[in-house]
Amino acid sequence: MNPLPFPADALFCDVLVIGGGPAGATIAPLLAERGYAVTLLEKAHHPRFHIGESLLPANLPIFERLGVGEKIRAIGMEKWGAEFVSPHHGHKQVFAFADAWDKSMPMAYQVPRAAFDEILIRNAEAKGASVHEGCQVTQVVFLPDGGGAEVTATTDAGTEVHWRAKFVVDASGRDTFLANKLQCKQRNPQHNSAAVFAHARGATRNAGQAEGNITIFWFDQGWFWFIPLKEGITSVGMVTWPHHMKTRGNRSLDAFLQDNIQSCAPLAAQLNDAQWISAIEATGNYSYESERTHGQNYVLLGDAFTFIDPVFSSGVLLAMQSAVLAADAVDLALKNPSQTPAILKRYDRAVRRGPRAFSWFIYRVTNPAMRDLFMGPRNIFRVKEALLSLLAGDIYGKTPIWSSLRIMKAIYYITLWRKPLRALRAWQTRRHNIRPMNTP
């Protein structure tokens, strides 16, 4: 595409960040602190509602690096573990983060995303990034020969604004701005789900330190999340298959969610005295990926690159960690333009690591064989500790969990094929569940 005539009133920056969620509001201050002129454009105004309230222990070092640790602690409900409840097992399985391989990250937080995201974007502003809210990017034109990009955005008032940037960071989340522009976004063929969710007050919780634990409830059509927040608020959501969403018929979302909750007796019991305090909302196209993570003048971060099922609460960690990796890559690329392809190739390998580590387990988490392993974990060859490290998000450092995770995968396959008929039925069910809805 030929570049547009460059407007006389255009602004200049080194790095332009599209999106002010966790990914964008992480990379912006990291680059601003290194002396770059960083512009962040966010279409909404903070605070704004968002799901994805459950954080992982591996998020905490990033908070300290950004200088927002105290503020996150002030709004967060302490989360010391994750719990799994299965309709096919007579007990609740609790995973305590303190039992992971690395004992130094024993807890995380559950946070209201409106407050959490506002802390991050205000921190980006305080660290020197030029933040523009209510400003939606409408066009990006990449100039030839590594000449940067021209970016056009529209404000809430309808004013068109232009920037010339050396580098563009797409942190647009599920809007996937550049992936759509480049036509490289595709449905994840390994997964396909939708979500229905809301906030409630007055739900029954665990006592003591376990009050803030996230609970995952499996049911026949997917799974539910139960995320305790401060002030007695609980985030409740159902992740299910699109074909099950179609069984809603003429029922309201409220009635549909309530009917499904009633089919999960343990969750229904915890919500028996609860009152919904927000509208019931739904979102589809829950799993997707882009074919690329970068180009000569741009990188994709977090959900702008890929989104997988949130059963392990990995979304915010993957977004922020991708921003940390990208900050280093963009810094090196701007300092060494001739080495940009090699630098971004290393970024590509690093940023794909997280989704790949989580997704193998996520794609199989509803399989009866995997459920058996989750509901009865053993620490042979430190398998349970390695699984806990994965659940804690400890996958980017030097913790030596990978051999034990490979052993767990081997145990899974042995468990799977010891009951071949069950394995066949599970495979057929999964194929049925993840099929595109335009397929008979």
Protein backbone atom coordinates (compact mmCIF):
# COMPACT_ATOMS: atom_id res chain seq x y z
CA MET A 1 0.00 0.00 0.00
CA ASN A 2 1.36 3.45 -0.91
CA PRO A 3 1.82 5.77 2.08
CA LEU A 4 -0.71 8.52 2.58
CA PRO A 5 0.38 12.15 2.13
CA PHE A 6 2.03 13.03 5.43
CA PRO A 7 -0.10 15.65 7.23
CA ALA A 8 1.66 18.83 8.22
CA ASP A 9 0.27 18.62 11.75
CA ALA A 10 1.41 15.03 12.34
CA LEU A 11 3.17 14.20 15.59
CA PHE A 12 6.35 12.17 15.96
CA CYS A 13 7.33 9.40 18.37
CA ASP A 14 9.78 6.55 18.58
CA VAL A 15 7.21 3.91 19.54
CA LEU A 16 3.45 4.01 19.13
CA VAL A 17 1.47 1.54 21.24
CA ILE A 18 -2.05 0.57 20.19
CA GLY A 19 -4.07 -0.32 23.28
CA GLY A 20 -3.84 0.51 26.98
CA GLY A 21 -4.60 -2.86 28.56
CA PRO A 22 -2.03 -4.89 30.55
CA ALA A 23 0.25 -5.48 27.54
CA GLY A 24 0.29 -1.91 26.26
CA ALA A 25 0.51 -0.38 29.73
CA THR A 26 3.49 -2.63 30.50
CA ILE A 27 5.64 -2.01 27.44
CA ALA A 28 4.98 1.75 27.38
CA PRO A 29 6.67 2.59 30.72
CA LEU A 30 9.47 0.07 30.14
CA LEU A 31 10.43 1.84 26.91
CA ALA A 32 9.77 5.34 28.23
CA GLU A 33 12.17 4.67 31.11
CA ARG A 34 14.85 3.85 28.53
CA GLY A 35 14.50 7.29 27.01
CA TYR A 36 12.20 6.60 24.06
CA ALA A 37 9.34 8.90 23.08
CA VAL A 38 6.37 6.56 23.55
CA THR A 39 2.78 7.33 22.55
CA LEU A 40 -0.02 5.06 23.79
CA LEU A 41 -3.47 5.25 22.15
CA GLU A 42 -6.42 3.66 23.94
CA LYS A 43 -9.88 3.72 22.41
CA ALA A 44 -11.73 3.56 25.76
CA HIS A 45 -11.49 5.60 28.95
CA HIS A 46 -10.22 4.06 32.17
CA PRO A 47 -11.63 2.73 34.38
CA ARG A 48 -13.59 0.32 32.17
CA PHE A 49 -14.98 -3.15 32.81
CA HIS A 50 -13.02 -6.20 31.72
CA ILE A 51 -12.95 -9.87 32.63
CA GLY A 52 -9.78 -11.81 33.36
CA GLU A 53 -9.54 -10.95 37.06
CA SER A 54 -7.38 -13.86 38.23
CA LEU A 55 -3.63 -13.29 38.26
CA LEU A 56 -0.74 -15.75 38.68
CA PRO A 57 2.23 -15.68 41.08
CA ALA A 58 4.56 -15.05 38.14
CA ASN A 59 2.83 -11.69 37.60
CA LEU A 60 4.20 -10.33 40.87
CA PRO A 61 7.84 -9.80 39.81
CA ILE A 62 6.59 -7.81 36.82
CA PHE A 63 4.53 -5.58 39.14
CA GLU A 64 7.63 -4.87 41.20
CA ARG A 65 9.63 -4.09 38.06
CA LEU A 66 6.94 -1.60 37.01
CA GLY A 67 6.76 -0.11 40.50
CA VAL A 68 3.05 -0.88 41.03
CA GLY A 69 3.31 -3.72 43.55
CA GLU A 70 1.89 -1.80 46.51
CA LYS A 71 -1.05 -0.48 44.50
CA ILE A 72 -1.93 -3.96 43.23
CA ARG A 73 -1.78 -5.35 46.76
CA ALA A 74 -4.18 -2.63 47.90
CA ILE A 75 -6.92 -3.68 45.46
CA GLY A 76 -6.26 -7.44 45.35
CA MET A 77 -7.78 -10.42 47.11
CA GLU A 78 -4.99 -12.80 48.08
CA LYS A 79 -5.03 -15.98 46.00
CA TRP A 80 -3.01 -18.81 47.53
CA GLY A 81 -4.17 -21.59 45.28
CA ALA A 82 -6.46 -22.99 42.63
CA GLU A 83 -9.20 -25.55 43.20
CA PHE A 84 -10.79 -28.01 40.79
CA VAL A 85 -14.20 -29.64 41.23
CA SER A 86 -15.28 -32.50 38.98
CA PRO A 87 -18.74 -34.08 38.69
CA HIS A 88 -17.00 -37.46 38.30
CA HIS A 89 -14.91 -37.29 41.49
CA GLY A 90 -16.08 -37.19 45.07
CA HIS A 91 -13.65 -34.55 46.32
CA LYS A 92 -12.27 -31.08 45.64
CA GLN A 93 -8.63 -30.94 44.53
CA VAL A 94 -6.67 -27.98 45.88
CA PHE A 95 -3.38 -26.87 44.36
CA ALA A 96 -1.38 -24.58 46.67
CA PHE A 97 1.14 -22.40 44.87
CA ALA A 98 3.47 -22.75 47.87
CA ASP A 99 3.96 -26.40 46.88
CA ALA A 100 5.31 -25.52 43.42
CA TRP A 101 8.91 -26.22 42.41
CA ASP A 102 10.00 -22.67 43.25
CA LYS A 103 8.72 -21.97 46.78
CA SER A 104 9.38 -18.24 46.53
CA MET A 105 6.10 -17.43 44.72
CA PRO A 106 3.39 -18.78 47.06
CA MET A 107 0.50 -16.51 46.14
CA ALA A 108 -1.08 -14.13 43.64
CA TYR A 109 -4.12 -11.83 43.58
CA GLN A 110 -7.64 -11.66 42.25
CA VAL A 111 -8.28 -8.10 41.07
CA PRO A 112 -11.13 -6.00 39.69
CA ARG A 113 -9.84 -5.37 36.20
CA ALA A 114 -11.21 -1.84 35.98
CA ALA A 115 -9.03 -0.78 38.92
CA PHE A 116 -6.09 -2.98 37.91
CA ASP A 117 -5.93 -1.71 34.33
CA GLU A 118 -6.24 1.89 35.49
CA ILE A 119 -3.27 1.45 37.84
CA LEU A 120 -1.17 0.18 34.94
CA ILE A 121 -2.10 2.89 32.44
CA ARG A 122 -1.64 5.69 34.99
CA ASN A 123 1.78 4.23 35.78
CA ALA A 124 2.66 4.34 32.08
CA GLU A 125 1.69 8.01 32.06
CA ALA A 126 3.67 8.73 35.21
CA LYS A 127 6.76 7.04 33.74
CA GLY A 128 6.73 9.36 30.73
CA ALA A 129 4.55 7.74 28.07
CA SER A 130 2.18 10.11 26.24
CA VAL A 131 -1.21 8.49 26.91
CA HIS A 132 -4.29 9.38 24.84
CA GLU A 133 -7.59 7.79 25.91
CA GLY A 134 -10.70 7.96 23.79
CA CYS A 135 -8.46 7.77 20.74
CA GLN A 136 -9.02 4.84 18.38
CA VAL A 137 -6.47 3.83 15.76
CA THR A 138 -8.13 3.53 12.36
CA GLN A 139 -5.21 3.04 10.00
CA VAL A 140 -1.55 2.06 10.04
CA VAL A 141 0.59 2.41 6.92
CA PHE A 142 4.05 0.88 7.08
CA LEU A 143 6.69 2.74 5.10
CA PRO A 144 9.19 0.88 2.94
CA ASP A 145 12.76 -0.01 3.85
CA GLY A 146 12.19 0.12 7.59
CA GLY A 147 11.04 3.73 7.44
CA GLY A 148 8.56 3.37 10.28
CA ALA A 149 4.82 3.86 10.04
CA GLU A 150 2.15 6.48 9.68
CA VAL A 151 -0.70 6.02 12.13
CA THR A 152 -4.13 7.62 11.92
CA ALA A 153 -6.51 7.73 14.88
CA THR A 154 -9.87 9.30 15.64
CA THR A 155 -10.75 10.89 18.97
CA ASP A 156 -14.12 10.70 20.72
CA ALA A 157 -14.81 14.20 19.38
CA GLY A 158 -14.33 12.96 15.82
CA THR A 159 -11.00 14.67 15.30
CA GLU A 160 -8.51 12.82 13.12
CA VAL A 161 -4.96 12.74 14.53
CA HIS A 162 -1.76 11.52 12.84
CA TRP A 163 1.54 10.18 14.12
CA ARG A 164 4.78 9.14 12.48
CA ALA A 165 6.42 6.35 14.51
CA LYS A 166 9.64 4.41 14.09
CA PHE A 167 7.99 1.30 15.57
CA VAL A 168 4.41 0.16 16.20
CA VAL A 169 3.35 -2.12 19.06
CA ASP A 170 -0.05 -3.78 18.68
CA ALA A 171 -1.45 -4.34 22.15
CA SER A 172 -5.06 -3.96 20.99
CA GLY A 173 -6.19 -7.15 22.72
CA ARG A 174 -9.13 -9.01 21.26
CA ASP A 175 -9.59 -6.21 18.72
CA THR A 176 -6.48 -7.73 17.02
CA PHE A 177 -5.97 -4.58 14.98
CA LEU A 178 -2.90 -5.53 12.96
CA ALA A 179 -3.79 -9.22 12.63
CA ASN A 180 -7.07 -8.15 11.03
CA LYS A 181 -5.35 -5.55 8.86
CA LEU A 182 -2.76 -8.07 7.70
CA GLN A 183 -5.39 -10.82 7.35
CA CYS A 184 -3.31 -13.24 9.37
CA LYS A 185 -5.77 -14.00 12.20
CA GLN A 186 -7.44 -17.39 12.26
CA ARG A 187 -9.67 -19.42 14.51
CA ASN A 188 -7.64 -21.72 16.69
CA PRO A 189 -8.32 -25.17 15.17
CA GLN A 190 -7.46 -26.84 18.47
CA HIS A 191 -10.06 -25.01 20.51
CA ASN A 192 -13.38 -23.24 20.14
CA SER A 193 -15.38 -21.77 22.98
CA ALA A 194 -17.64 -18.99 24.18
CA ALA A 195 -18.17 -17.41 27.59
CA VAL A 196 -21.09 -16.07 29.63
CA PHE A 197 -20.21 -14.12 32.78
CA ALA A 198 -21.26 -11.63 35.45
CA HIS A 199 -20.48 -10.41 38.97
CA ALA A 200 -22.42 -11.54 42.04
CA ARG A 201 -22.49 -10.50 45.68
CA GLY A 202 -23.06 -12.80 48.64
CA ALA A 203 -21.67 -16.07 47.24
CA THR A 204 -20.45 -18.64 49.75
CA ARG A 205 -16.67 -18.75 49.94
CA ASN A 206 -13.94 -20.78 51.58
CA ALA A 207 -12.87 -19.86 55.10
CA GLY A 208 -9.56 -18.35 56.11
CA GLN A 209 -6.62 -18.06 53.77
CA ALA A 210 -8.40 -20.10 51.09
CA GLU A 211 -11.15 -17.46 50.71
CA GLY A 212 -9.46 -15.97 47.65
CA ASN A 213 -8.75 -19.22 45.82
CA ILE A 214 -10.07 -19.51 42.30
CA THR A 215 -12.30 -22.54 41.77
CA ILE A 216 -12.80 -24.30 38.45
CA PHE A 217 -16.00 -26.36 38.23
CA TRP A 218 -16.18 -28.85 35.39
CA PHE A 219 -19.61 -29.70 34.02
CA ASP A 220 -20.78 -31.67 31.00
CA GLN A 221 -20.71 -28.69 28.63
CA GLY A 222 -17.43 -27.08 29.68
CA TRP A 223 -16.38 -25.38 32.91
CA PHE A 224 -17.19 -22.50 35.26
CA TRP A 225 -14.87 -20.03 36.96
CA PHE A 226 -15.51 -18.73 40.49
CA ILE A 227 -13.19 -15.81 41.32
CA PRO A 228 -13.56 -14.11 44.73
CA LEU A 229 -12.83 -10.38 44.72
CA LYS A 230 -12.77 -7.84 47.53
CA GLU A 231 -15.92 -6.31 49.05
CA GLY A 232 -17.85 -9.57 48.79
CA ILE A 233 -17.96 -9.56 44.99
CA THR A 234 -17.41 -12.77 43.01
CA SER A 235 -16.80 -13.09 39.29
CA VAL A 236 -18.66 -16.08 37.85
CA GLY A 237 -18.36 -17.27 34.29
CA MET A 238 -19.18 -20.23 32.10
CA VAL A 239 -16.89 -21.29 29.25
CA THR A 240 -18.66 -23.63 26.89
CA TRP A 241 -18.87 -24.79 23.31
CA PRO A 242 -20.59 -22.63 20.67
CA HIS A 243 -22.98 -25.44 19.80
CA HIS A 244 -24.12 -25.46 23.44
CA MET A 245 -24.68 -21.70 23.25
CA LYS A 246 -27.10 -22.37 20.41
CA THR A 247 -29.28 -24.43 22.78
CA ARG A 248 -30.14 -21.17 24.55
CA GLY A 249 -33.04 -20.67 22.17
CA ASN A 250 -35.37 -17.90 23.33
CA ARG A 251 -34.06 -17.84 26.88
CA SER A 252 -32.40 -14.67 28.14
CA LEU A 253 -28.69 -14.82 28.90
CA ASP A 254 -29.62 -14.58 32.58
CA ALA A 255 -31.91 -17.62 32.38
CA PHE A 256 -29.42 -19.55 30.25
CA LEU A 257 -26.58 -18.97 32.71
CA GLN A 258 -28.81 -19.78 35.70
CA ASP A 259 -30.01 -23.02 34.10
CA ASN A 260 -26.45 -24.13 33.47
CA ILE A 261 -25.37 -23.20 36.99
CA GLN A 262 -28.16 -25.41 38.34
CA SER A 263 -26.70 -28.31 36.36
CA CYS A 264 -23.50 -27.94 38.43
CA ALA A 265 -24.66 -28.70 41.97
CA PRO A 266 -21.49 -27.63 43.87
CA LEU A 267 -21.46 -24.22 42.17
CA ALA A 268 -25.20 -23.78 42.55
CA ALA A 269 -24.83 -24.37 46.28
CA GLN A 270 -22.21 -21.63 46.58
CA LEU A 271 -24.41 -19.20 44.65
CA ASN A 272 -27.65 -20.07 46.42
CA ASP A 273 -27.77 -16.81 48.42
CA ALA A 274 -25.97 -14.63 45.88
CA GLN A 275 -27.39 -11.71 43.94
CA TRP A 276 -26.21 -10.66 40.50
CA ILE A 277 -24.91 -7.09 40.59
CA SER A 278 -23.92 -6.69 36.95
CA ALA A 279 -25.50 -7.46 33.61
CA ILE A 280 -24.99 -10.97 32.24
CA GLU A 281 -22.66 -10.70 29.25
CA ALA A 282 -21.39 -13.10 26.60
CA THR A 283 -18.47 -13.26 24.22
CA GLY A 284 -17.61 -15.71 21.47
CA ASN A 285 -14.59 -16.43 19.26
CA TYR A 286 -12.71 -17.15 22.45
CA SER A 287 -9.68 -18.86 20.94
CA TYR A 288 -7.69 -17.57 17.99
CA GLU A 289 -4.15 -16.94 16.86
CA SER A 290 -2.22 -14.82 14.41
CA GLU A 291 0.17 -16.40 11.96
CA ARG A 292 2.85 -13.85 12.85
CA THR A 293 4.10 -12.02 15.90
CA HIS A 294 6.14 -9.30 14.18
CA GLY A 295 7.26 -7.53 11.03
CA GLN A 296 10.03 -5.09 10.16
CA ASN A 297 8.43 -2.21 12.09
CA TYR A 298 5.98 -3.86 14.46
CA VAL A 299 5.30 -6.51 17.11
CA LEU A 300 2.08 -8.09 18.39
CA LEU A 301 1.60 -8.58 22.13
CA GLY A 302 -0.74 -10.65 24.28
CA ASP A 303 -4.28 -11.08 22.99
CA ALA A 304 -3.41 -9.11 19.84
CA PHE A 305 -1.34 -12.17 18.91
CA THR A 306 -3.29 -15.08 20.40
CA PHE A 307 -5.91 -15.97 22.97
CA ILE A 308 -6.42 -19.41 24.46
CA ASP A 309 -9.02 -20.72 26.86
CA PRO A 310 -8.66 -18.91 30.23
CA VAL A 311 -8.99 -22.03 32.41
CA PHE A 312 -5.50 -21.51 33.88
CA SER A 313 -5.85 -17.71 34.27
CA SER A 314 -2.92 -17.22 31.93
CA GLY A 315 -4.19 -14.20 29.96
CA VAL A 316 -2.78 -11.28 31.97
CA LEU A 317 0.54 -13.03 32.53
CA LEU A 318 0.97 -13.82 28.84
CA ALA A 319 0.11 -10.22 27.96
CA MET A 320 2.51 -8.65 30.44
CA GLN A 321 5.32 -11.13 29.82
CA SER A 322 5.06 -10.59 26.07
CA ALA A 323 5.39 -6.86 26.77
CA VAL A 324 8.54 -7.43 28.82
CA LEU A 325 10.04 -9.52 26.01
CA ALA A 326 8.96 -7.00 23.38
CA ALA A 327 10.43 -4.06 25.30
CA ASP A 328 13.86 -5.67 25.09
CA ALA A 329 13.36 -6.56 21.41
CA VAL A 330 12.15 -3.09 20.37
CA ASP A 331 14.98 -1.44 22.31
CA LEU A 332 17.57 -3.58 20.53
CA ALA A 333 15.93 -3.13 17.13
CA LEU A 334 15.88 0.65 17.41
CA LYS A 335 19.53 0.68 18.47
CA ASN A 336 20.61 -1.84 15.82
CA PRO A 337 18.32 -1.49 12.79
CA SER A 338 20.43 -3.78 10.60
CA GLN A 339 19.93 -6.62 13.11
CA THR A 340 16.16 -6.17 13.42
CA PRO A 341 15.16 -9.41 11.61
CA ALA A 342 17.34 -11.56 13.89
CA ILE A 343 16.21 -9.65 17.00
CA LEU A 344 12.52 -10.08 16.19
CA LYS A 345 13.03 -13.72 15.28
CA ARG A 346 14.32 -14.30 18.82
CA TYR A 347 11.29 -12.41 20.15
CA ASP A 348 9.03 -14.68 18.11
CA ARG A 349 10.51 -17.82 19.66
CA ALA A 350 10.29 -16.40 23.17
CA VAL A 351 6.74 -15.05 22.93
CA ARG A 352 5.34 -18.30 21.53
CA ARG A 353 6.75 -20.25 24.46
CA GLY A 354 4.06 -19.27 26.95
CA PRO A 355 0.94 -20.05 24.89
CA ARG A 356 2.52 -23.32 23.76
CA ALA A 357 3.29 -24.40 27.35
CA PHE A 358 -0.24 -23.70 28.58
CA SER A 359 -2.17 -24.83 25.51
CA TRP A 360 -1.10 -28.49 25.54
CA PHE A 361 -2.81 -28.89 28.90
CA ILE A 362 -5.72 -26.58 28.07
CA TYR A 363 -6.65 -28.54 24.95
CA ARG A 364 -6.90 -31.69 27.07
CA VAL A 365 -8.28 -30.36 30.35
CA THR A 366 -11.81 -31.65 29.69
CA ASN A 367 -10.57 -35.12 28.72
CA PRO A 368 -11.46 -37.73 31.38
CA ALA A 369 -7.86 -38.97 31.50
CA MET A 370 -6.50 -35.48 32.19
CA ARG A 371 -9.25 -34.84 34.72
CA ASP A 372 -8.18 -37.99 36.56
CA LEU A 373 -4.60 -36.68 36.74
CA PHE A 374 -5.70 -33.27 37.98
CA MET A 375 -8.01 -34.74 40.59
CA GLY A 376 -5.44 -37.24 41.88
CA PRO A 377 -1.98 -35.75 41.28
CA ARG A 378 1.12 -37.58 42.49
CA ASN A 379 4.57 -36.12 42.84
CA ILE A 380 6.50 -38.97 41.24
CA PHE A 381 9.51 -37.45 39.46
CA ARG A 382 8.29 -34.09 40.87
CA VAL A 383 5.39 -34.09 38.41
CA LYS A 384 2.98 -32.34 40.79
CA GLU A 385 5.51 -29.62 41.60
CA ALA A 386 6.07 -29.03 37.88
CA LEU A 387 2.32 -28.84 37.25
CA LEU A 388 1.96 -26.34 40.08
CA SER A 389 4.75 -24.27 38.57
CA LEU A 390 2.86 -24.22 35.29
CA LEU A 391 -0.33 -23.17 37.10
CA ALA A 392 1.70 -20.43 38.81
CA GLY A 393 2.97 -19.19 35.45
CA ASP A 394 6.60 -20.02 36.26
CA ILE A 395 7.52 -20.92 32.68
CA TYR A 396 9.82 -18.10 31.56
CA GLY A 397 12.61 -18.39 34.10
CA LYS A 398 15.15 -21.07 34.90
CA THR A 399 12.98 -23.34 37.05
CA PRO A 400 13.77 -26.85 35.67
CA ILE A 401 10.21 -28.12 35.27
CA TRP A 402 10.30 -29.30 31.67
CA SER A 403 11.52 -32.88 32.16
CA SER A 404 8.84 -33.47 34.80
CA LEU A 405 6.16 -31.99 32.55
CA ARG A 406 7.26 -34.33 29.76
CA ILE A 407 6.90 -37.23 32.20
CA MET A 408 3.39 -36.01 33.08
CA LYS A 409 2.51 -35.96 29.39
CA ALA A 410 3.75 -39.55 29.09
CA ILE A 411 1.64 -40.55 32.11
CA TYR A 412 -1.35 -38.88 30.47
CA TYR A 413 -0.93 -40.90 27.27
CA ILE A 414 -0.49 -44.12 29.23
CA THR A 415 -3.63 -43.31 31.24
CA LEU A 416 -5.46 -42.45 28.04
CA TRP A 417 -4.75 -45.67 26.22
CA ARG A 418 -5.29 -47.96 29.18
CA LYS A 419 -8.98 -47.29 28.50
CA PRO A 420 -9.12 -47.15 24.70
CA LEU A 421 -12.92 -47.00 24.41
CA ARG A 422 -13.08 -44.05 26.79
CA ALA A 423 -10.24 -42.41 24.86
CA LEU A 424 -12.10 -42.89 21.57
CA ARG A 425 -15.32 -41.42 22.98
CA ALA A 426 -13.40 -38.47 24.42
CA TRP A 427 -11.71 -37.83 21.06
CA GLN A 428 -15.04 -37.98 19.23
CA THR A 429 -16.65 -35.64 21.77
CA ARG A 430 -13.82 -33.14 21.47
CA ARG A 431 -13.97 -33.19 17.66
CA HIS A 432 -17.71 -32.55 17.92
CA ASN A 433 -17.27 -29.74 20.44
CA ILE A 434 -14.56 -27.74 18.64
CA ARG A 435 -16.06 -27.95 15.16
CA PRO A 436 -16.95 -24.65 13.47
CA MET A 437 -20.65 -24.02 13.78
CA ASN A 438 -21.16 -23.85 10.01
CA THR A 439 -20.12 -27.51 9.85
CA PRO A 440 -22.97 -30.04 10.19
